[in-house]
Amino acid sequence: DRHLGSSAQINSRLFPLPPSAPMRVLSCVACVATAEIWSDCTAPEDIATITKVAITPDPPTRGTPLTVELDLNLKEPLESGSIKVDIKYDGIVPLKETLDLCKELAQTKNPCPLAAGPVSFSFDAKIPKAIPGGKVKGTAKVVRVADSKEAACVALDFSLKADEGVVV
C-alpha cells in the first residue's frame, strides 16, 4: 500500500480511516468511473481528451480489488505533470492532494515523458472496506508542470451505500 505524502490535508475526525486508506481512495477516484458517475471536465483548449475510463468488476465494491483502464489522446507532449485531487465526502473536503504524475506513471508501460498521441494506462486499485456510506464528489486534474496548463480533468459524483458497492 502507498501512503499519502505530506501535501495531503485530511480531516481525520470526519473521515476516520487508516493512514493508507486515503491513497487507496485517491486511486479509486479514477477507478470507480462509469458513464453514470464520472464526467469529462476537460476544456476544449486542454492538451488531452479522455477517450475511455473502464473498471473491472463493474460496479466496484468496497474491499474488492479492481482494474482501472484509462485512455487519453494527448494533443501535445507531456514532459512532466502533477495530478491535483480535490475530493469531498458528504460535502466535507477530506482530501486535497497534489501528486507527481511521473512518479505515479513510473511503474506503468507509459513513463514520462509522454509523447503526443494515444496513451493507455492500466492499474489495480481498491475501495477500502473502512469507508462508510455517503456522497462522494470531486475532481482529478492533470496539469503540465512547465506552464501550468491543464491536460485533462475528470469530475466524480457517486454514492457509496453503507453495506454495498458504488451507486449513482
N, C-alpha and C. Protein backbone atom coordinates (compact mmCIF):
# COMPACT_ATOMS: atom_id res chain seq x y z
N ASP A 1 0.82 -1.20 0.00
CA ASP A 1 0.00 0.00 0.00
C ASP A 1 0.86 1.25 0.00
N ARG A 2 0.42 2.24 -0.78
CA ARG A 2 1.14 3.51 -0.79
C ARG A 2 0.55 4.40 0.30
N HIS A 3 1.34 5.35 0.75
CA HIS A 3 0.88 6.27 1.78
C HIS A 3 0.86 7.68 1.25
N LEU A 4 0.03 8.52 1.86
CA LEU A 4 -0.07 9.91 1.45
C LEU A 4 1.21 10.66 1.74
N GLY A 5 1.56 11.59 0.87
CA GLY A 5 2.69 12.47 1.10
C GLY A 5 2.30 13.58 2.06
N SER A 6 3.24 14.42 2.39
CA SER A 6 2.99 15.49 3.35
C SER A 6 2.08 16.57 2.81
N SER A 7 1.80 16.59 1.49
CA SER A 7 0.94 17.63 0.93
C SER A 7 -0.54 17.34 1.14
N ALA A 8 -0.89 16.16 1.61
CA ALA A 8 -2.31 15.82 1.78
C ALA A 8 -2.87 16.50 3.02
N GLN A 9 -4.12 16.95 2.90
CA GLN A 9 -4.82 17.55 4.03
C GLN A 9 -6.07 16.73 4.28
N ILE A 10 -6.12 16.04 5.43
CA ILE A 10 -7.25 15.16 5.70
C ILE A 10 -7.83 15.49 7.06
N ASN A 11 -9.15 15.60 7.13
CA ASN A 11 -9.82 15.81 8.39
C ASN A 11 -10.16 14.44 8.95
N SER A 12 -9.32 13.91 9.84
CA SER A 12 -9.46 12.54 10.31
C SER A 12 -10.66 12.35 11.23
N ARG A 13 -11.16 13.39 11.89
CA ARG A 13 -12.35 13.23 12.72
C ARG A 13 -13.58 12.99 11.85
N LEU A 14 -13.62 13.62 10.68
CA LEU A 14 -14.78 13.49 9.81
C LEU A 14 -14.62 12.36 8.82
N PHE A 15 -13.42 11.88 8.62
CA PHE A 15 -13.15 10.84 7.62
C PHE A 15 -12.20 9.83 8.25
N PRO A 16 -12.68 9.07 9.28
CA PRO A 16 -11.78 8.21 10.05
C PRO A 16 -11.38 6.95 9.29
N LEU A 17 -10.17 6.93 8.77
CA LEU A 17 -9.66 5.79 8.02
C LEU A 17 -8.24 5.50 8.45
N PRO A 18 -7.77 4.29 8.20
CA PRO A 18 -6.37 4.00 8.48
C PRO A 18 -5.47 4.87 7.59
N PRO A 19 -4.21 5.11 7.96
CA PRO A 19 -3.33 6.02 7.22
C PRO A 19 -3.20 5.71 5.74
N SER A 20 -3.23 4.45 5.34
CA SER A 20 -3.05 4.13 3.92
C SER A 20 -4.34 4.24 3.13
N ALA A 21 -5.48 4.34 3.77
CA ALA A 21 -6.77 4.35 3.06
C ALA A 21 -6.96 5.55 2.14
N PRO A 22 -6.58 6.78 2.52
CA PRO A 22 -6.82 7.90 1.61
C PRO A 22 -6.15 7.73 0.25
N MET A 23 -4.95 7.15 0.18
CA MET A 23 -4.32 6.95 -1.11
C MET A 23 -5.10 5.93 -1.92
N ARG A 24 -5.63 4.91 -1.25
CA ARG A 24 -6.44 3.94 -1.96
C ARG A 24 -7.73 4.59 -2.46
N VAL A 25 -8.29 5.52 -1.68
CA VAL A 25 -9.47 6.26 -2.14
C VAL A 25 -9.09 7.11 -3.34
N LEU A 26 -7.93 7.76 -3.28
CA LEU A 26 -7.47 8.57 -4.40
C LEU A 26 -7.32 7.71 -5.64
N SER A 27 -6.70 6.54 -5.51
CA SER A 27 -6.59 5.64 -6.64
C SER A 27 -7.96 5.29 -7.17
N CYS A 28 -8.88 5.16 -6.26
CA CYS A 28 -10.23 4.78 -6.65
C CYS A 28 -10.97 5.90 -7.34
N VAL A 29 -10.56 7.14 -7.13
CA VAL A 29 -11.22 8.26 -7.80
C VAL A 29 -11.24 8.03 -9.30
N ALA A 30 -10.13 7.61 -9.83
CA ALA A 30 -10.10 7.34 -11.26
C ALA A 30 -10.73 6.01 -11.59
N CYS A 31 -10.85 5.14 -10.63
CA CYS A 31 -11.24 3.77 -10.94
C CYS A 31 -12.71 3.48 -10.78
N VAL A 32 -13.48 4.27 -10.07
CA VAL A 32 -14.89 3.94 -9.92
C VAL A 32 -15.72 4.61 -10.99
N ALA A 33 -15.08 4.95 -12.08
CA ALA A 33 -15.74 5.71 -13.13
C ALA A 33 -16.51 4.81 -14.09
N THR A 34 -17.79 5.04 -14.16
CA THR A 34 -18.61 4.50 -15.23
C THR A 34 -19.31 5.70 -15.82
N ALA A 35 -20.04 5.52 -16.89
CA ALA A 35 -20.69 6.64 -17.55
C ALA A 35 -21.61 7.39 -16.59
N GLU A 36 -22.14 6.73 -15.60
CA GLU A 36 -23.08 7.37 -14.69
C GLU A 36 -22.41 8.18 -13.58
N ILE A 37 -21.18 7.87 -13.21
CA ILE A 37 -20.61 8.52 -12.04
C ILE A 37 -19.41 9.41 -12.34
N TRP A 38 -18.94 9.46 -13.55
CA TRP A 38 -17.84 10.36 -13.88
C TRP A 38 -18.19 11.14 -15.13
N SER A 39 -17.58 12.29 -15.24
CA SER A 39 -17.74 13.08 -16.47
C SER A 39 -16.40 13.71 -16.81
N ASP A 40 -16.23 13.98 -18.08
CA ASP A 40 -15.01 14.60 -18.58
C ASP A 40 -15.16 16.11 -18.42
N CYS A 41 -14.41 16.72 -17.52
CA CYS A 41 -14.47 18.17 -17.33
C CYS A 41 -13.30 18.86 -18.03
N THR A 42 -12.67 18.14 -18.96
CA THR A 42 -11.58 18.70 -19.75
C THR A 42 -12.12 19.77 -20.69
N ALA A 43 -11.49 20.93 -20.72
CA ALA A 43 -11.92 22.03 -21.60
C ALA A 43 -11.35 21.80 -23.00
N PRO A 44 -12.00 22.35 -24.03
CA PRO A 44 -11.51 22.16 -25.41
C PRO A 44 -10.07 22.61 -25.62
N GLU A 45 -9.62 23.62 -24.88
CA GLU A 45 -8.25 24.10 -25.05
C GLU A 45 -7.22 23.28 -24.27
N ASP A 46 -7.66 22.32 -23.46
CA ASP A 46 -6.73 21.47 -22.71
C ASP A 46 -5.98 20.55 -23.67
N ILE A 47 -4.87 19.99 -23.20
CA ILE A 47 -3.98 19.26 -24.11
C ILE A 47 -4.28 17.77 -24.22
N ALA A 48 -5.37 17.29 -23.63
CA ALA A 48 -5.72 15.87 -23.74
C ALA A 48 -7.22 15.70 -23.85
N THR A 49 -7.61 14.57 -24.41
CA THR A 49 -9.00 14.17 -24.47
C THR A 49 -9.09 12.79 -23.82
N ILE A 50 -10.03 12.63 -22.91
CA ILE A 50 -10.25 11.33 -22.29
C ILE A 50 -11.11 10.51 -23.24
N THR A 51 -10.61 9.36 -23.66
CA THR A 51 -11.36 8.53 -24.61
C THR A 51 -11.99 7.30 -23.96
N LYS A 52 -11.47 6.90 -22.79
CA LYS A 52 -12.04 5.71 -22.14
C LYS A 52 -11.68 5.69 -20.67
N VAL A 53 -12.66 5.35 -19.84
CA VAL A 53 -12.43 5.01 -18.44
C VAL A 53 -13.25 3.74 -18.21
N ALA A 54 -12.59 2.67 -17.82
CA ALA A 54 -13.30 1.41 -17.59
C ALA A 54 -12.75 0.72 -16.35
N ILE A 55 -13.64 0.04 -15.63
CA ILE A 55 -13.23 -0.71 -14.45
C ILE A 55 -13.76 -2.13 -14.54
N THR A 56 -13.03 -3.03 -13.90
CA THR A 56 -13.46 -4.41 -13.78
C THR A 56 -13.20 -4.85 -12.35
N PRO A 57 -14.18 -5.32 -11.60
CA PRO A 57 -15.57 -5.53 -11.98
C PRO A 57 -16.36 -4.23 -11.95
N ASP A 58 -17.48 -4.23 -12.60
CA ASP A 58 -18.37 -3.07 -12.65
C ASP A 58 -19.76 -3.52 -12.24
N PRO A 59 -20.29 -3.00 -11.15
CA PRO A 59 -19.76 -1.93 -10.32
C PRO A 59 -18.73 -2.44 -9.31
N PRO A 60 -17.83 -1.55 -8.90
CA PRO A 60 -16.86 -1.93 -7.87
C PRO A 60 -17.53 -2.03 -6.51
N THR A 61 -16.93 -2.80 -5.63
CA THR A 61 -17.44 -2.89 -4.27
C THR A 61 -16.30 -2.66 -3.29
N ARG A 62 -16.66 -2.23 -2.10
CA ARG A 62 -15.66 -1.95 -1.08
C ARG A 62 -14.92 -3.23 -0.70
N GLY A 63 -13.60 -3.11 -0.57
CA GLY A 63 -12.78 -4.23 -0.15
C GLY A 63 -12.43 -5.22 -1.24
N THR A 64 -12.84 -4.96 -2.47
CA THR A 64 -12.59 -5.88 -3.58
C THR A 64 -11.59 -5.27 -4.55
N PRO A 65 -10.55 -6.02 -4.96
CA PRO A 65 -9.61 -5.49 -5.95
C PRO A 65 -10.31 -5.21 -7.28
N LEU A 66 -9.84 -4.21 -7.99
CA LEU A 66 -10.39 -3.91 -9.30
C LEU A 66 -9.30 -3.39 -10.20
N THR A 67 -9.54 -3.48 -11.49
CA THR A 67 -8.60 -3.00 -12.50
C THR A 67 -9.19 -1.78 -13.17
N VAL A 68 -8.36 -0.75 -13.34
CA VAL A 68 -8.77 0.50 -13.95
C VAL A 68 -8.05 0.66 -15.28
N GLU A 69 -8.78 1.02 -16.31
CA GLU A 69 -8.19 1.32 -17.62
C GLU A 69 -8.56 2.75 -17.98
N LEU A 70 -7.56 3.54 -18.38
CA LEU A 70 -7.76 4.93 -18.76
C LEU A 70 -7.03 5.18 -20.07
N ASP A 71 -7.76 5.66 -21.07
CA ASP A 71 -7.16 6.01 -22.36
C ASP A 71 -7.30 7.51 -22.59
N LEU A 72 -6.20 8.14 -22.98
CA LEU A 72 -6.16 9.56 -23.29
C LEU A 72 -5.61 9.75 -24.70
N ASN A 73 -5.95 10.87 -25.30
CA ASN A 73 -5.30 11.28 -26.54
C ASN A 73 -4.65 12.63 -26.25
N LEU A 74 -3.32 12.65 -26.20
CA LEU A 74 -2.59 13.89 -25.93
C LEU A 74 -2.40 14.68 -27.22
N LYS A 75 -2.80 15.96 -27.20
CA LYS A 75 -2.62 16.84 -28.36
C LYS A 75 -1.19 17.36 -28.43
N GLU A 76 -0.52 17.40 -27.28
CA GLU A 76 0.86 17.89 -27.17
C GLU A 76 1.62 16.96 -26.24
N PRO A 77 2.95 16.95 -26.32
CA PRO A 77 3.72 16.13 -25.39
C PRO A 77 3.53 16.60 -23.95
N LEU A 78 3.72 15.69 -23.02
CA LEU A 78 3.62 16.00 -21.60
C LEU A 78 4.92 15.51 -20.96
N GLU A 79 5.86 16.46 -20.76
CA GLU A 79 7.18 16.13 -20.21
C GLU A 79 7.07 15.70 -18.75
N SER A 80 6.34 16.48 -17.97
CA SER A 80 6.11 16.18 -16.56
C SER A 80 4.82 16.87 -16.15
N GLY A 81 4.23 16.37 -15.08
CA GLY A 81 2.96 16.95 -14.67
C GLY A 81 2.63 16.61 -13.24
N SER A 82 1.52 17.15 -12.80
CA SER A 82 1.02 16.85 -11.46
C SER A 82 -0.45 16.44 -11.58
N ILE A 83 -0.90 15.69 -10.60
CA ILE A 83 -2.31 15.31 -10.51
C ILE A 83 -2.86 16.03 -9.29
N LYS A 84 -3.82 16.92 -9.52
CA LYS A 84 -4.42 17.68 -8.43
C LYS A 84 -5.78 17.08 -8.12
N VAL A 85 -5.92 16.58 -6.90
CA VAL A 85 -7.14 15.88 -6.49
C VAL A 85 -7.84 16.69 -5.41
N ASP A 86 -9.14 16.86 -5.57
CA ASP A 86 -9.97 17.55 -4.59
C ASP A 86 -11.24 16.72 -4.43
N ILE A 87 -11.35 15.98 -3.33
CA ILE A 87 -12.47 15.08 -3.09
C ILE A 87 -13.27 15.56 -1.89
N LYS A 88 -14.58 15.60 -2.06
CA LYS A 88 -15.47 15.93 -0.95
C LYS A 88 -16.31 14.71 -0.63
N TYR A 89 -16.34 14.36 0.64
CA TYR A 89 -17.13 13.24 1.11
C TYR A 89 -18.24 13.81 1.98
N ASP A 90 -19.48 13.63 1.57
CA ASP A 90 -20.65 14.21 2.26
C ASP A 90 -20.50 15.72 2.47
N GLY A 91 -20.00 16.43 1.45
CA GLY A 91 -19.90 17.88 1.49
C GLY A 91 -18.71 18.43 2.23
N ILE A 92 -17.89 17.58 2.80
CA ILE A 92 -16.71 17.99 3.55
C ILE A 92 -15.49 17.70 2.67
N VAL A 93 -14.43 18.49 2.80
CA VAL A 93 -13.24 18.28 1.97
C VAL A 93 -12.24 17.44 2.77
N PRO A 94 -12.31 16.11 2.66
CA PRO A 94 -11.38 15.29 3.41
C PRO A 94 -10.05 15.05 2.71
N LEU A 95 -9.99 15.32 1.39
CA LEU A 95 -8.75 15.01 0.69
C LEU A 95 -8.46 16.05 -0.37
N LYS A 96 -7.35 16.74 -0.21
CA LYS A 96 -6.79 17.65 -1.21
C LYS A 96 -5.34 17.25 -1.32
N GLU A 97 -4.94 16.88 -2.52
CA GLU A 97 -3.58 16.40 -2.66
C GLU A 97 -3.07 16.71 -4.06
N THR A 98 -1.76 16.94 -4.15
CA THR A 98 -1.08 17.09 -5.44
C THR A 98 -0.03 15.99 -5.52
N LEU A 99 -0.15 15.17 -6.56
CA LEU A 99 0.78 14.06 -6.77
C LEU A 99 1.66 14.34 -7.97
N ASP A 100 2.84 13.76 -7.99
CA ASP A 100 3.75 13.85 -9.13
C ASP A 100 3.32 12.82 -10.16
N LEU A 101 2.87 13.28 -11.32
CA LEU A 101 2.38 12.39 -12.37
C LEU A 101 3.45 11.37 -12.78
N CYS A 102 4.68 11.83 -12.95
CA CYS A 102 5.74 10.93 -13.42
C CYS A 102 6.06 9.85 -12.40
N LYS A 103 6.01 10.17 -11.12
CA LYS A 103 6.22 9.15 -10.09
C LYS A 103 5.10 8.12 -10.14
N GLU A 104 3.87 8.58 -10.35
CA GLU A 104 2.73 7.66 -10.43
C GLU A 104 2.82 6.77 -11.66
N LEU A 105 3.36 7.30 -12.77
CA LEU A 105 3.45 6.55 -14.02
C LEU A 105 4.71 5.71 -14.13
N ALA A 106 5.66 5.89 -13.22
CA ALA A 106 6.96 5.22 -13.32
C ALA A 106 6.84 3.70 -13.40
N GLN A 107 5.80 3.13 -12.83
CA GLN A 107 5.65 1.68 -12.82
C GLN A 107 4.72 1.18 -13.92
N THR A 108 4.31 2.06 -14.83
CA THR A 108 3.43 1.65 -15.92
C THR A 108 4.24 1.50 -17.20
N LYS A 109 3.58 1.06 -18.26
CA LYS A 109 4.26 0.95 -19.56
C LYS A 109 4.39 2.30 -20.24
N ASN A 110 3.88 3.37 -19.62
CA ASN A 110 3.94 4.72 -20.20
C ASN A 110 4.59 5.71 -19.23
N PRO A 111 5.89 5.57 -18.94
CA PRO A 111 6.53 6.55 -18.05
C PRO A 111 6.75 7.88 -18.76
N CYS A 112 7.03 8.92 -18.00
CA CYS A 112 7.30 10.24 -18.56
C CYS A 112 8.64 10.22 -19.29
N PRO A 113 8.81 11.06 -20.29
CA PRO A 113 7.83 11.99 -20.86
C PRO A 113 6.85 11.26 -21.77
N LEU A 114 5.63 11.81 -21.87
CA LEU A 114 4.60 11.23 -22.72
C LEU A 114 4.56 11.97 -24.05
N ALA A 115 4.61 11.24 -25.14
CA ALA A 115 4.55 11.85 -26.48
C ALA A 115 3.11 12.18 -26.83
N ALA A 116 2.92 13.11 -27.75
CA ALA A 116 1.57 13.41 -28.25
C ALA A 116 1.01 12.16 -28.90
N GLY A 117 -0.31 11.98 -28.79
CA GLY A 117 -0.97 10.82 -29.36
C GLY A 117 -1.68 10.01 -28.30
N PRO A 118 -2.14 8.80 -28.67
CA PRO A 118 -2.89 7.98 -27.72
C PRO A 118 -1.99 7.40 -26.63
N VAL A 119 -2.51 7.40 -25.40
CA VAL A 119 -1.81 6.86 -24.24
C VAL A 119 -2.81 6.02 -23.46
N SER A 120 -2.41 4.82 -23.06
CA SER A 120 -3.27 3.93 -22.28
C SER A 120 -2.60 3.60 -20.96
N PHE A 121 -3.39 3.59 -19.89
CA PHE A 121 -2.91 3.24 -18.57
C PHE A 121 -3.80 2.15 -18.01
N SER A 122 -3.22 1.27 -17.23
CA SER A 122 -3.97 0.25 -16.53
C SER A 122 -3.32 0.07 -15.17
N PHE A 123 -4.11 0.07 -14.11
CA PHE A 123 -3.57 -0.14 -12.78
C PHE A 123 -4.62 -0.79 -11.90
N ASP A 124 -4.16 -1.37 -10.81
CA ASP A 124 -5.05 -2.01 -9.85
C ASP A 124 -5.30 -1.05 -8.70
N ALA A 125 -6.51 -1.08 -8.18
CA ALA A 125 -6.90 -0.22 -7.06
C ALA A 125 -7.88 -0.98 -6.18
N LYS A 126 -8.31 -0.33 -5.11
CA LYS A 126 -9.24 -0.96 -4.18
C LYS A 126 -9.97 0.12 -3.41
N ILE A 127 -11.27 -0.04 -3.24
CA ILE A 127 -12.04 0.85 -2.36
C ILE A 127 -11.92 0.25 -0.96
N PRO A 128 -11.36 0.98 -0.01
CA PRO A 128 -11.20 0.42 1.33
C PRO A 128 -12.54 0.03 1.94
N LYS A 129 -12.55 -1.10 2.64
CA LYS A 129 -13.76 -1.57 3.31
C LYS A 129 -14.17 -0.61 4.43
N ALA A 130 -13.21 0.15 4.96
CA ALA A 130 -13.47 1.03 6.10
C ALA A 130 -14.31 2.26 5.75
N ILE A 131 -14.48 2.56 4.47
CA ILE A 131 -15.23 3.76 4.09
C ILE A 131 -16.71 3.53 4.34
N PRO A 132 -17.34 4.41 5.13
CA PRO A 132 -18.78 4.28 5.35
C PRO A 132 -19.56 4.78 4.14
N GLY A 133 -20.86 4.54 4.13
CA GLY A 133 -21.70 5.03 3.04
C GLY A 133 -21.73 6.55 3.03
N GLY A 134 -21.93 7.14 1.86
CA GLY A 134 -22.01 8.59 1.75
C GLY A 134 -21.80 9.06 0.33
N LYS A 135 -21.99 10.37 0.12
CA LYS A 135 -21.86 11.00 -1.19
C LYS A 135 -20.42 11.44 -1.42
N VAL A 136 -19.88 11.12 -2.59
CA VAL A 136 -18.52 11.49 -2.95
C VAL A 136 -18.58 12.35 -4.21
N LYS A 137 -17.97 13.54 -4.15
CA LYS A 137 -17.88 14.44 -5.31
C LYS A 137 -16.46 14.97 -5.35
N GLY A 138 -16.00 15.27 -6.55
CA GLY A 138 -14.67 15.85 -6.63
C GLY A 138 -14.14 15.88 -8.04
N THR A 139 -12.88 16.30 -8.13
CA THR A 139 -12.20 16.36 -9.42
C THR A 139 -10.78 15.82 -9.27
N ALA A 140 -10.28 15.31 -10.37
CA ALA A 140 -8.87 14.94 -10.50
C ALA A 140 -8.40 15.59 -11.80
N LYS A 141 -7.40 16.46 -11.69
CA LYS A 141 -6.90 17.20 -12.86
C LYS A 141 -5.43 16.90 -13.07
N VAL A 142 -5.06 16.71 -14.32
CA VAL A 142 -3.65 16.56 -14.69
C VAL A 142 -3.20 17.91 -15.23
N VAL A 143 -2.10 18.43 -14.66
CA VAL A 143 -1.59 19.75 -15.02
C VAL A 143 -0.13 19.60 -15.44
N ARG A 144 0.23 20.22 -16.57
CA ARG A 144 1.62 20.20 -17.05
C ARG A 144 2.45 21.13 -16.17
N VAL A 145 3.59 20.65 -15.69
CA VAL A 145 4.43 21.43 -14.79
C VAL A 145 5.04 22.64 -15.48
N ALA A 146 5.52 22.49 -16.70
CA ALA A 146 6.26 23.55 -17.39
C ALA A 146 5.50 24.87 -17.48
N ASP A 147 4.20 24.81 -17.77
CA ASP A 147 3.44 26.05 -17.95
C ASP A 147 2.11 26.07 -17.20
N SER A 148 1.90 25.12 -16.30
CA SER A 148 0.67 25.01 -15.51
C SER A 148 -0.58 24.84 -16.37
N LYS A 149 -0.42 24.39 -17.60
CA LYS A 149 -1.55 24.18 -18.50
C LYS A 149 -2.25 22.87 -18.13
N GLU A 150 -3.58 22.93 -18.01
CA GLU A 150 -4.34 21.74 -17.68
C GLU A 150 -4.34 20.78 -18.86
N ALA A 151 -4.10 19.50 -18.56
CA ALA A 151 -4.09 18.48 -19.61
C ALA A 151 -5.43 17.78 -19.69
N ALA A 152 -5.97 17.37 -18.54
CA ALA A 152 -7.23 16.63 -18.53
C ALA A 152 -7.89 16.79 -17.16
N CYS A 153 -9.20 16.53 -17.13
CA CYS A 153 -9.96 16.67 -15.90
C CYS A 153 -11.07 15.61 -15.87
N VAL A 154 -11.21 14.96 -14.73
CA VAL A 154 -12.31 14.02 -14.51
C VAL A 154 -13.08 14.51 -13.29
N ALA A 155 -14.40 14.69 -13.46
CA ALA A 155 -15.28 15.06 -12.34
C ALA A 155 -16.01 13.81 -11.87
N LEU A 156 -16.15 13.67 -10.57
CA LEU A 156 -16.78 12.50 -9.98
C LEU A 156 -18.01 12.90 -9.18
N ASP A 157 -19.00 12.04 -9.20
CA ASP A 157 -20.22 12.27 -8.42
C ASP A 157 -20.90 10.91 -8.24
N PHE A 158 -20.70 10.29 -7.07
CA PHE A 158 -21.30 8.99 -6.81
C PHE A 158 -21.54 8.83 -5.32
N SER A 159 -22.28 7.79 -4.97
CA SER A 159 -22.56 7.47 -3.57
C SER A 159 -22.08 6.07 -3.27
N LEU A 160 -21.62 5.89 -2.04
CA LEU A 160 -21.31 4.56 -1.54
C LEU A 160 -22.42 4.17 -0.59
N LYS A 161 -23.03 3.03 -0.82
CA LYS A 161 -24.03 2.53 0.12
C LYS A 161 -23.31 2.00 1.34
N ALA A 162 -23.97 2.04 2.48
CA ALA A 162 -23.35 1.62 3.73
C ALA A 162 -22.86 0.17 3.69
N ASP A 163 -23.60 -0.72 3.05
CA ASP A 163 -23.23 -2.13 3.07
C ASP A 163 -23.01 -2.71 1.68
N GLU A 164 -22.92 -1.85 0.66
CA GLU A 164 -22.79 -2.38 -0.69
C GLU A 164 -21.73 -1.61 -1.45
N GLY A 165 -21.76 -1.69 -2.77
CA GLY A 165 -20.78 -1.05 -3.63
C GLY A 165 -21.14 0.37 -3.98
N VAL A 166 -20.59 0.84 -5.09
CA VAL A 166 -20.79 2.19 -5.57
C VAL A 166 -22.13 2.28 -6.28
N VAL A 167 -22.88 3.35 -5.99
CA VAL A 167 -24.14 3.59 -6.68
C VAL A 167 -24.16 5.02 -7.18
N VAL A 168 -25.04 5.28 -8.15
CA VAL A 168 -25.18 6.63 -8.69
C VAL A 168 -26.09 7.43 -7.80
